[in-house]
Amino acid sequence: MRFDAGLVWLRRDLRLHDNAALAAALADCRQVFCAFVFDRAILDPLLAHGRADRRVEFIHRSVAELDDRLRRLGGALITRHGYAAEVVPQLAAELRVDAVFTNSDYEPSATVRDQQVARTLAQHGRQLLSFRDQVIFEKDELLTGGGTPFGVYTPYRNAWLRQLDAARIAAHDTATHVDRLMRPAAVAALPSLQALGFERTNLDDLRLPTGESGATRLFEDFKLRIDRYREARDFPAVRGPSYLSVHLRFGTIPVRELVRFAMEQRDSPGAQVWLSELVWRDFYQMILWHHPHVVERAYRPQYDRIEWERGEQADAAFAAWCDGRTGYPLVDAAMAQLNQTGYMHNRLRMVTASFLTKDLGIDWRRGERYFARQLNDYDLAANNGGWQWAASTGCDAQPWFRIFNPVTQSEKFDPEGNFIRRYLPQLAGFDGAEIHAPWQVSSARQREAGCVVGVDYPEPIVDHAAARARTLQRYSVVKR
């Protein structure tokens, strides 16, 4: 036994099962306390955009479930509302623990916070112990033969698969020593959403299951569909994805469990494609760790020379994109899905990002920040990586001269227009051949369909062919 008492600081790992930090604390400490901090450094900036935030409600419900599970085992979840960098050392002192156990977070601001906590704890003879939990390979665990970080996905994936072994994805034992979970003499009740400054959202209407139990239900459902994943994943009107992204983001399910399952389905092409998506998560976390400049600048510096559209016209175009008023149905339906639900299908994330950067010529950072405010599953590394991929400014990105055509993308991936009709009901009167470009339909047919372009639905705010030519010119600076 290394320590008499330890504190597990839960963050983006809101579960008891297969939790690396919790398992280490239970193995190394005679007494184990668990805590979660509603961190004002994260929450206060969100309030600038309103009191309704689906992510905060998702976290709140998941924390409540976690507390209930801990109480059933004889422990409890200590919850505080404040600045984590201050609260955690204070709580460690109150509980007189010897060490704080936590799972690593690789975002630049989180790294700074954790360094501050470690320094404060050390001043009082305590330790901060961090563990790999949200990824399979972290930091510099995978490097090229030359000892440098990978910059291209496929060689990274090959190295990832080559070095993967059973021990790396084995579940951490959190069941053997649950009798060491402690409940302080007085544990304050979980603060309400209102006490945190937030209010209820439409989470119930979305039927988005929360917590560890919700993640398990979604995963069990996906297991039945995984063989069809390769074919179904690109069609937004089809139930193809796993819908686990928000649970991976907040750690209500361990990535190790998902990888183990995918590896076991070696004869399933769908499972292998899904495994590649899980590897992408690690890849983008690795990129962020080694190249934190990507948060504000292009991964490849020469792309910072691109002159994006600015001024009132660009601002109006950006507002139209945000609101789903571009006149391109697939783009507008995707933005409606995002705004109404906090979710956007992965294919549509690529389409909408390409449209903003290459049809409207607007800086990818503006779109990245908008997604950061709206996405339930917002993850800095993945969001940044995806946007820089679409804008052709990132590592292993879409070549800048390849530009998605929003109409052909619509015809290919929503051929009957079912997804479009769901989020743009004003277009429901058009058939599958007309709905992708309703401005090309005759005026008489528009009236018959009950949707006149320019009156009931916007005209296209940009001509794709002309925009493509401007984009090729805009990006030509990278060749100089």
Protein backbone atom coordinates (compact mmCIF):
# COMPACT_ATOMS: atom_id res chain seq x y z
CA MET A 1 0.00 0.00 0.00
CA ARG A 2 1.67 3.19 -1.20
CA PHE A 3 -0.72 5.75 0.29
CA ASP A 4 -3.09 5.98 3.21
CA ALA A 5 -5.61 8.14 1.31
CA GLY A 6 -6.08 9.26 -2.27
CA LEU A 7 -8.47 11.52 -4.17
CA VAL A 8 -9.68 10.59 -7.65
CA TRP A 9 -10.33 13.76 -9.63
CA LEU A 10 -12.83 12.80 -12.35
CA ARG A 11 -13.06 14.96 -15.45
CA ARG A 12 -13.70 13.57 -18.93
CA ASP A 13 -13.94 10.02 -17.53
CA LEU A 14 -17.40 9.94 -15.97
CA ARG A 15 -17.62 6.22 -15.24
CA LEU A 16 -16.56 3.62 -12.69
CA HIS A 17 -15.92 0.74 -15.10
CA ASP A 18 -12.41 0.44 -16.56
CA ASN A 19 -11.22 3.81 -15.28
CA ALA A 20 -7.42 3.98 -15.16
CA ALA A 21 -7.09 6.61 -12.42
CA LEU A 22 -9.74 5.03 -10.22
CA ALA A 23 -8.19 1.56 -10.62
CA ALA A 24 -4.77 2.90 -9.64
CA ALA A 25 -6.17 4.68 -6.58
CA LEU A 26 -8.07 1.61 -5.41
CA ALA A 27 -4.94 -0.50 -5.79
CA ASP A 28 -2.56 1.95 -4.08
CA CYS A 29 -4.63 3.60 -1.34
CA ARG A 30 -6.29 2.38 1.85
CA GLN A 31 -8.99 5.04 1.48
CA VAL A 32 -10.25 6.48 -1.81
CA PHE A 33 -12.38 9.59 -2.26
CA CYS A 34 -13.89 10.66 -5.61
CA ALA A 35 -14.63 14.20 -6.73
CA PHE A 36 -15.87 16.16 -9.71
CA VAL A 37 -15.47 19.90 -10.12
CA PHE A 38 -17.87 21.96 -12.19
CA ASP A 39 -14.98 24.08 -13.35
CA ARG A 40 -15.82 27.76 -13.71
CA ALA A 41 -12.84 28.22 -16.01
CA ILE A 42 -14.77 26.06 -18.50
CA LEU A 43 -18.38 26.85 -17.62
CA ASP A 44 -18.31 30.63 -17.22
CA PRO A 45 -17.34 31.32 -20.87
CA LEU A 46 -20.24 29.11 -21.99
CA LEU A 47 -22.70 31.38 -20.18
CA ALA A 48 -21.74 34.17 -22.57
CA HIS A 49 -23.73 32.25 -25.21
CA GLY A 50 -26.77 31.51 -23.04
CA ARG A 51 -27.90 29.48 -20.05
CA ALA A 52 -29.04 26.45 -22.08
CA ASP A 53 -26.16 24.16 -22.93
CA ARG A 54 -26.83 20.50 -23.75
CA ARG A 55 -23.28 19.50 -22.82
CA VAL A 56 -23.58 20.88 -19.31
CA GLU A 57 -26.89 19.07 -18.84
CA PHE A 58 -25.35 15.86 -20.22
CA ILE A 59 -22.47 16.17 -17.76
CA HIS A 60 -24.83 17.01 -14.90
CA ARG A 61 -26.96 13.92 -15.51
CA SER A 62 -23.90 11.71 -15.94
CA VAL A 63 -22.40 13.02 -12.71
CA ALA A 64 -25.68 12.33 -10.90
CA GLU A 65 -25.65 8.72 -12.12
CA LEU A 66 -22.02 8.37 -11.10
CA ASP A 67 -22.79 9.65 -7.60
CA ASP A 68 -25.65 7.18 -7.29
CA ARG A 69 -23.40 4.27 -8.29
CA LEU A 70 -20.71 5.31 -5.84
CA ARG A 71 -23.24 5.58 -3.00
CA ARG A 72 -24.46 2.05 -3.72
CA LEU A 73 -20.85 0.93 -3.20
CA GLY A 74 -20.43 2.82 0.06
CA GLY A 75 -18.73 5.90 -1.35
CA ALA A 76 -20.03 9.18 -2.77
CA LEU A 77 -19.07 11.74 -5.37
CA ILE A 78 -17.89 15.02 -3.88
CA THR A 79 -18.99 17.82 -6.20
CA ARG A 80 -17.79 21.40 -6.12
CA HIS A 81 -18.44 24.48 -8.26
CA GLY A 82 -15.42 26.69 -8.63
CA TYR A 83 -12.06 26.96 -10.34
CA ALA A 84 -10.61 23.46 -10.44
CA ALA A 85 -7.04 24.72 -10.16
CA GLU A 86 -7.96 26.10 -6.73
CA VAL A 87 -10.65 23.65 -5.61
CA VAL A 88 -8.68 20.41 -6.08
CA PRO A 89 -5.72 21.35 -3.85
CA GLN A 90 -8.14 22.74 -1.25
CA LEU A 91 -10.15 19.53 -1.28
CA ALA A 92 -7.00 17.41 -1.05
CA ALA A 93 -6.04 19.35 2.06
CA GLU A 94 -9.52 19.00 3.61
CA LEU A 95 -9.49 15.24 3.07
CA ARG A 96 -5.82 14.96 4.06
CA VAL A 97 -5.02 12.75 1.09
CA ASP A 98 -1.49 11.88 0.05
CA ALA A 99 -2.08 11.98 -3.69
CA VAL A 100 -4.57 13.07 -6.32
CA PHE A 101 -5.23 10.56 -9.11
CA THR A 102 -6.52 11.75 -12.46
CA ASN A 103 -6.61 10.76 -16.10
CA SER A 104 -4.55 12.81 -18.52
CA ASP A 105 -6.07 15.59 -20.60
CA TYR A 106 -4.01 16.74 -23.56
CA GLU A 107 -5.58 20.11 -24.40
CA PRO A 108 -3.18 23.04 -23.88
CA SER A 109 -5.37 24.79 -21.30
CA ALA A 110 -5.85 21.53 -19.40
CA THR A 111 -2.11 20.92 -19.40
CA VAL A 112 -1.50 24.36 -17.88
CA ARG A 113 -4.22 23.76 -15.27
CA ASP A 114 -2.79 20.39 -14.29
CA GLN A 115 0.71 21.81 -13.97
CA GLN A 116 -0.66 24.48 -11.64
CA VAL A 117 -2.47 21.87 -9.53
CA ALA A 118 0.66 19.70 -9.37
CA ARG A 119 2.77 22.64 -8.15
CA THR A 120 0.25 23.60 -5.48
CA LEU A 121 -0.07 20.02 -4.26
CA ALA A 122 3.71 19.60 -4.16
CA GLN A 123 4.04 22.64 -1.93
CA HIS A 124 2.12 20.67 0.70
CA GLY A 125 3.84 17.35 0.15
CA ARG A 126 1.18 15.85 -2.10
CA GLN A 127 1.40 14.34 -5.57
CA LEU A 128 -0.64 14.59 -8.76
CA LEU A 129 -0.58 11.26 -10.55
CA SER A 130 -1.86 11.13 -14.15
CA PHE A 131 -2.83 8.11 -16.22
CA ARG A 132 -3.53 7.34 -19.88
CA ASP A 133 -7.26 6.70 -20.23
CA GLN A 134 -9.02 8.53 -23.07
CA VAL A 135 -6.69 7.31 -25.83
CA ILE A 136 -4.83 4.08 -26.61
CA PHE A 137 -1.49 5.72 -27.43
CA GLU A 138 -0.68 9.12 -25.94
CA LYS A 139 1.82 11.93 -26.38
CA ASP A 140 5.02 10.53 -27.89
CA GLU A 141 4.28 6.83 -27.45
CA LEU A 142 4.10 6.46 -31.24
CA LEU A 143 6.82 8.10 -33.32
CA THR A 144 8.21 7.63 -36.81
CA GLY A 145 11.36 5.63 -37.42
CA GLY A 146 13.23 8.93 -37.24
CA GLY A 147 11.86 9.68 -33.79
CA THR A 148 9.53 12.47 -34.92
CA PRO A 149 5.73 12.81 -34.62
CA PHE A 150 3.66 11.44 -37.47
CA GLY A 151 2.09 13.97 -39.81
CA VAL A 152 0.23 11.56 -42.08
CA TYR A 153 -2.58 9.34 -40.85
CA THR A 154 -1.99 6.08 -42.74
CA PRO A 155 1.58 5.46 -41.50
CA TYR A 156 0.36 6.41 -38.01
CA ARG A 157 -2.49 3.92 -38.23
CA ASN A 158 -0.12 1.19 -39.42
CA ALA A 159 2.22 1.84 -36.50
CA TRP A 160 -0.75 2.02 -34.12
CA LEU A 161 -2.01 -1.39 -35.23
CA ARG A 162 1.46 -2.91 -35.29
CA GLN A 163 2.25 -1.88 -31.72
CA LEU A 164 -1.17 -2.60 -30.25
CA ASP A 165 -1.17 -5.50 -27.80
CA ALA A 166 -3.65 -7.06 -25.42
CA ALA A 167 -2.14 -5.39 -22.35
CA ARG A 168 -2.67 -1.90 -23.76
CA ILE A 169 -6.40 -2.39 -24.21
CA ALA A 170 -7.03 -4.59 -21.18
CA ALA A 171 -9.70 -3.32 -18.79
CA HIS A 172 -8.53 -1.73 -15.54
CA ASP A 173 -9.85 -3.48 -12.44
CA THR A 174 -12.15 -1.19 -10.48
CA ALA A 175 -14.14 -3.93 -8.76
CA THR A 176 -11.68 -5.72 -6.46
CA HIS A 177 -11.17 -3.03 -3.81
CA VAL A 178 -14.46 -1.12 -3.86
CA ASP A 179 -14.55 -1.42 -0.07
CA ARG A 180 -11.85 1.26 -0.05
CA LEU A 181 -14.26 3.84 -1.46
CA MET A 182 -14.95 6.44 1.22
CA ARG A 183 -17.82 8.80 1.91
CA PRO A 184 -16.96 11.96 3.86
CA ALA A 185 -18.97 12.62 7.00
CA ALA A 186 -20.81 15.45 5.24
CA VAL A 187 -21.30 15.44 1.48
CA ALA A 188 -23.10 18.38 -0.09
CA ALA A 189 -25.88 17.53 -2.52
CA LEU A 190 -25.17 17.74 -6.22
CA PRO A 191 -25.73 21.40 -7.23
CA SER A 192 -28.67 21.91 -9.56
CA LEU A 193 -28.25 23.17 -13.10
CA GLN A 194 -29.76 26.45 -11.95
CA ALA A 195 -27.21 26.75 -9.15
CA LEU A 196 -24.49 26.38 -11.77
CA GLY A 197 -26.07 29.17 -13.80
CA PHE A 198 -27.64 26.92 -16.47
CA GLU A 199 -31.11 25.68 -17.33
CA ARG A 200 -32.76 22.62 -18.87
CA THR A 201 -32.41 22.03 -22.61
CA ASN A 202 -34.19 19.82 -25.15
CA LEU A 203 -32.08 16.81 -24.14
CA ASP A 204 -35.17 14.76 -23.27
CA ASP A 205 -36.75 15.45 -26.66
CA LEU A 206 -33.56 14.26 -28.35
CA ARG A 207 -33.67 10.98 -26.41
CA LEU A 208 -29.92 11.20 -25.91
CA PRO A 209 -29.08 8.68 -23.19
CA THR A 210 -26.62 9.97 -20.61
CA GLY A 211 -24.15 8.46 -18.20
CA GLU A 212 -22.43 5.10 -18.19
CA SER A 213 -25.76 3.29 -18.55
CA GLY A 214 -26.69 5.35 -21.60
CA ALA A 215 -23.36 4.64 -23.27
CA THR A 216 -23.80 0.93 -22.67
CA ARG A 217 -27.25 0.93 -24.29
CA LEU A 218 -25.97 2.74 -27.36
CA PHE A 219 -23.00 0.42 -27.70
CA GLU A 220 -25.16 -2.70 -27.42
CA ASP A 221 -27.39 -1.30 -30.17
CA PHE A 222 -24.41 -0.51 -32.40
CA LYS A 223 -22.98 -3.99 -32.02
CA LEU A 224 -26.04 -5.26 -33.89
CA ARG A 225 -25.39 -2.79 -36.74
CA ILE A 226 -21.61 -2.68 -36.95
CA ASP A 227 -21.33 -5.05 -39.92
CA ARG A 228 -23.21 -2.46 -42.02
CA TYR A 229 -21.12 0.47 -40.79
CA ARG A 230 -18.85 0.73 -43.85
CA GLU A 231 -21.81 1.14 -46.23
CA ALA A 232 -24.19 3.04 -43.96
CA ARG A 233 -21.90 5.56 -42.25
CA ASP A 234 -22.00 8.18 -45.05
CA PHE A 235 -25.79 8.47 -45.36
CA PRO A 236 -27.28 10.90 -42.83
CA ALA A 237 -30.83 9.58 -43.23
CA VAL A 238 -29.68 6.07 -42.26
CA ARG A 239 -28.95 4.81 -38.76
CA GLY A 240 -25.31 4.09 -39.54
CA PRO A 241 -23.02 5.70 -36.93
CA SER A 242 -22.49 4.44 -33.41
CA TYR A 243 -23.69 7.74 -31.86
CA LEU A 244 -21.09 7.21 -29.15
CA SER A 245 -19.04 10.33 -29.85
CA VAL A 246 -20.46 12.36 -26.96
CA HIS A 247 -19.89 9.40 -24.62
CA LEU A 248 -16.29 9.09 -25.76
CA ARG A 249 -15.89 12.83 -25.27
CA PHE A 250 -17.00 12.69 -21.63
CA GLY A 251 -15.64 9.25 -20.91
CA THR A 252 -18.89 7.52 -20.01
CA ILE A 253 -17.53 4.55 -21.97
CA PRO A 254 -13.88 3.44 -22.13
CA VAL A 255 -12.24 3.56 -25.55
CA ARG A 256 -10.41 0.35 -24.66
CA GLU A 257 -13.70 -1.55 -24.62
CA LEU A 258 -14.59 -0.25 -28.08
CA VAL A 259 -11.20 -1.14 -29.52
CA ARG A 260 -11.30 -4.62 -28.01
CA PHE A 261 -14.67 -5.28 -29.59
CA ALA A 262 -13.58 -3.97 -32.99
CA MET A 263 -10.42 -6.06 -32.89
CA GLU A 264 -12.45 -9.16 -32.13
CA GLN A 265 -14.60 -8.60 -35.25
CA ARG A 266 -11.78 -9.28 -37.69
CA ASP A 267 -14.11 -10.66 -40.35
CA SER A 268 -16.33 -7.58 -40.27
CA PRO A 269 -15.34 -4.84 -42.76
CA GLY A 270 -17.65 -2.46 -40.88
CA ALA A 271 -15.83 -3.06 -37.61
CA GLN A 272 -12.46 -2.47 -39.23
CA VAL A 273 -13.57 0.83 -40.75
CA TRP A 274 -14.95 1.87 -37.35
CA LEU A 275 -11.65 0.91 -35.74
CA SER A 276 -9.92 3.28 -38.15
CA GLU A 277 -12.19 6.06 -36.90
CA LEU A 278 -11.09 5.32 -33.34
CA VAL A 279 -7.46 5.54 -34.50
CA TRP A 280 -8.21 8.98 -35.97
CA ARG A 281 -9.13 10.12 -32.43
CA ASP A 282 -5.69 9.15 -31.17
CA PHE A 283 -4.06 10.73 -34.22
CA TYR A 284 -5.66 14.13 -33.65
CA GLN A 285 -4.87 14.03 -29.92
CA MET A 286 -1.25 13.31 -30.82
CA ILE A 287 -1.19 16.21 -33.28
CA LEU A 288 -2.59 18.60 -30.67
CA TRP A 289 -0.08 17.45 -28.08
CA HIS A 290 2.95 17.92 -30.33
CA HIS A 291 1.67 20.97 -32.25
CA PRO A 292 -0.45 23.11 -29.87
CA HIS A 293 -0.15 26.01 -32.34
CA VAL A 294 -2.95 24.37 -34.37
CA VAL A 295 -5.47 25.80 -31.91
CA GLU A 296 -4.96 29.25 -33.43
CA ARG A 297 -2.94 28.70 -36.61
CA ALA A 298 -2.68 26.34 -39.54
CA TYR A 299 -0.80 23.11 -38.98
CA ARG A 300 1.23 23.97 -42.09
CA PRO A 301 2.42 27.56 -41.70
CA GLN A 302 2.28 28.41 -45.41
CA TYR A 303 -1.50 28.17 -45.26
CA ASP A 304 -1.61 31.09 -42.85
CA ARG A 305 -0.90 33.22 -45.93
CA ILE A 306 -4.38 32.57 -47.30
CA GLU A 307 -6.47 35.75 -47.45
CA TRP A 308 -9.95 34.88 -46.25
CA GLU A 309 -13.03 36.96 -47.03
CA ARG A 310 -13.67 39.73 -44.53
CA GLY A 311 -16.06 42.61 -44.00
CA GLU A 312 -19.83 42.99 -43.90
CA GLN A 313 -20.50 40.72 -46.85
CA ALA A 314 -18.44 37.91 -45.33
CA ASP A 315 -20.14 38.43 -41.97
CA ALA A 316 -23.56 38.17 -43.63
CA ALA A 317 -22.51 35.00 -45.45
CA PHE A 318 -21.20 33.50 -42.21
CA ALA A 319 -24.48 34.31 -40.44
CA ALA A 320 -26.41 32.64 -43.27
CA TRP A 321 -24.22 29.56 -42.96
CA CYS A 322 -24.72 29.42 -39.18
CA ASP A 323 -28.49 29.78 -39.54
CA GLY A 324 -28.87 27.33 -42.42
CA ARG A 325 -29.84 29.97 -45.00
CA THR A 326 -27.30 29.33 -47.75
CA GLY A 327 -29.81 28.11 -50.34
CA TYR A 328 -28.05 24.74 -50.62
CA PRO A 329 -30.43 22.22 -49.02
CA LEU A 330 -27.93 19.66 -47.73
CA VAL A 331 -25.81 22.38 -46.12
CA ASP A 332 -28.84 24.07 -44.60
CA ALA A 333 -30.35 20.81 -43.33
CA ALA A 334 -27.04 19.89 -41.73
CA MET A 335 -26.82 23.24 -39.95
CA ALA A 336 -30.43 22.88 -38.81
CA GLN A 337 -29.56 19.47 -37.37
CA LEU A 338 -26.62 20.98 -35.52
CA ASN A 339 -28.56 23.95 -34.17
CA GLN A 340 -31.57 21.90 -33.08
CA THR A 341 -29.82 18.85 -31.66
CA GLY A 342 -26.13 19.60 -31.06
CA TYR A 343 -25.26 16.70 -33.34
CA MET A 344 -24.10 16.64 -36.94
CA HIS A 345 -23.45 13.58 -39.06
CA ASN A 346 -19.75 13.17 -39.87
CA ARG A 347 -20.19 13.34 -43.65
CA LEU A 348 -22.11 16.57 -43.20
CA ARG A 349 -19.37 18.03 -41.01
CA MET A 350 -17.07 17.69 -44.00
CA VAL A 351 -19.63 19.11 -46.42
CA THR A 352 -20.52 22.15 -44.31
CA ALA A 353 -16.89 22.90 -43.47
CA SER A 354 -15.89 22.68 -47.11
CA PHE A 355 -18.77 24.97 -48.05
CA LEU A 356 -17.79 27.62 -45.52
CA THR A 357 -14.11 27.65 -46.41
CA LYS A 358 -14.15 26.91 -50.13
CA ASP A 359 -17.51 28.19 -51.36
CA LEU A 360 -17.78 31.21 -49.07
CA GLY A 361 -14.03 31.73 -48.58
CA ILE A 362 -14.43 32.25 -44.82
CA ASP A 363 -11.68 31.47 -42.33
CA TRP A 364 -11.93 27.91 -40.98
CA ARG A 365 -11.38 29.25 -37.46
CA ARG A 366 -14.78 30.96 -37.49
CA GLY A 367 -16.50 27.71 -38.36
CA GLU A 368 -14.42 25.76 -35.88
CA ARG A 369 -15.46 28.11 -33.09
CA TYR A 370 -19.14 27.88 -34.07
CA PHE A 371 -19.00 24.09 -33.99
CA ALA A 372 -17.24 24.33 -30.63
CA ARG A 373 -20.25 26.18 -29.22
CA GLN A 374 -22.88 23.89 -30.74
CA LEU A 375 -21.58 20.31 -30.78
CA ASN A 376 -22.55 18.02 -27.92
CA ASP A 377 -19.43 15.97 -28.62
CA TYR A 378 -17.10 18.95 -29.02
CA ASP A 379 -13.52 17.83 -28.61
CA LEU A 380 -10.78 20.36 -29.36
CA ALA A 381 -8.40 17.90 -31.03
CA ALA A 382 -11.01 16.24 -33.26
CA ASN A 383 -12.87 19.45 -34.10
CA ASN A 384 -9.69 21.31 -34.96
CA GLY A 385 -8.34 18.39 -36.93
CA GLY A 386 -11.56 17.98 -38.88
CA TRP A 387 -11.79 21.65 -39.75
CA GLN A 388 -8.18 21.89 -40.83
CA TRP A 389 -8.68 18.73 -42.91
CA ALA A 390 -11.64 20.28 -44.71
CA ALA A 391 -9.89 23.62 -45.17
CA SER A 392 -6.74 21.84 -46.46
CA THR A 393 -4.60 23.63 -43.88
CA GLY A 394 -3.94 20.65 -41.62
CA CYS A 395 -1.92 17.46 -41.57
CA ASP A 396 -2.86 14.82 -44.12
CA ALA A 397 -5.65 17.13 -45.25
CA GLN A 398 -7.99 17.14 -48.22
CA PRO A 399 -5.91 18.59 -51.11
CA TRP A 400 -6.82 22.24 -51.50
CA PHE A 401 -7.84 21.80 -55.15
CA ARG A 402 -10.43 19.15 -54.24
CA ILE A 403 -13.63 20.98 -53.42
CA PHE A 404 -16.90 19.33 -52.41
CA ASN A 405 -19.81 20.19 -54.67
CA PRO A 406 -22.75 20.58 -52.26
CA VAL A 407 -25.29 19.48 -54.87
CA THR A 408 -23.51 16.30 -55.95
CA GLN A 409 -22.78 15.46 -52.31
CA SER A 410 -26.51 15.81 -51.65
CA GLU A 411 -27.46 13.65 -54.62
CA LYS A 412 -24.98 10.96 -53.61
CA PHE A 413 -25.51 10.76 -49.86
CA ASP A 414 -29.17 11.80 -49.48
CA PRO A 415 -30.48 10.56 -52.83
CA GLU A 416 -34.19 10.58 -51.91
CA GLY A 417 -33.89 13.79 -49.89
CA ASN A 418 -35.16 12.14 -46.70
CA PHE A 419 -32.62 13.88 -44.46
CA ILE A 420 -33.29 17.24 -46.11
CA ARG A 421 -37.05 16.90 -45.65
CA ARG A 422 -36.62 16.11 -41.97
CA TYR A 423 -34.85 19.39 -41.23
CA LEU A 424 -36.22 21.57 -44.04
CA PRO A 425 -39.92 20.66 -44.17
CA GLN A 426 -40.61 23.60 -46.52
CA LEU A 427 -38.88 21.55 -49.24
CA ALA A 428 -41.00 18.43 -48.65
CA GLY A 429 -43.04 19.00 -51.82
CA PHE A 430 -40.06 18.45 -54.10
CA ASP A 431 -39.21 14.95 -55.27
CA GLY A 432 -35.85 13.23 -54.89
CA ALA A 433 -34.50 14.60 -58.16
CA GLU A 434 -35.56 18.20 -57.48
CA ILE A 435 -34.83 18.70 -53.79
CA HIS A 436 -31.06 18.95 -54.09
CA ALA A 437 -31.15 22.14 -56.24
CA PRO A 438 -34.69 23.58 -56.05
CA TRP A 439 -33.63 26.84 -57.75
CA GLN A 440 -33.24 24.85 -60.97
CA VAL A 441 -36.89 23.77 -60.87
CA SER A 442 -39.40 25.77 -62.92
CA SER A 443 -41.41 28.48 -61.22
CA ALA A 444 -44.62 26.57 -61.86
CA ARG A 445 -43.22 23.44 -60.23
CA GLN A 446 -41.99 25.48 -57.25
CA ARG A 447 -45.51 26.84 -56.75
CA GLU A 448 -46.93 23.35 -57.09
CA ALA A 449 -44.46 22.09 -54.46
CA GLY A 450 -45.49 24.91 -52.14
CA CYS A 451 -42.01 26.40 -51.95
CA VAL A 452 -40.96 29.33 -54.09
CA VAL A 453 -37.22 29.87 -54.05
CA GLY A 454 -36.43 33.39 -52.91
CA VAL A 455 -39.69 33.54 -50.93
CA ASP A 456 -40.15 30.32 -48.98
CA TYR A 457 -36.56 29.16 -49.20
CA PRO A 458 -33.41 31.21 -49.90
CA GLU A 459 -31.76 31.47 -53.27
CA PRO A 460 -28.15 30.18 -53.30
CA ILE A 461 -25.91 32.82 -51.76
CA VAL A 462 -23.05 31.83 -54.01
CA ASP A 463 -22.56 30.12 -57.37
CA HIS A 464 -20.52 26.99 -56.72
CA ALA A 465 -18.63 27.05 -60.02
CA ALA A 466 -17.61 30.69 -59.58
CA ALA A 467 -16.71 30.07 -55.93
CA ARG A 468 -14.54 27.14 -56.93
CA ALA A 469 -12.56 29.32 -59.32
CA ARG A 470 -12.04 31.94 -56.58
CA THR A 471 -10.90 29.24 -54.16
CA LEU A 472 -8.30 27.89 -56.56
CA GLN A 473 -6.96 31.43 -56.88
CA ARG A 474 -7.12 32.02 -53.12
CA TYR A 475 -5.11 28.89 -52.36
CA SER A 476 -2.58 29.50 -55.10
CA VAL A 477 -0.50 31.49 -52.60
CA VAL A 478 0.64 28.23 -51.00
CA LYS A 479 2.49 27.29 -54.21
CA ARG A 480 4.62 30.45 -54.19
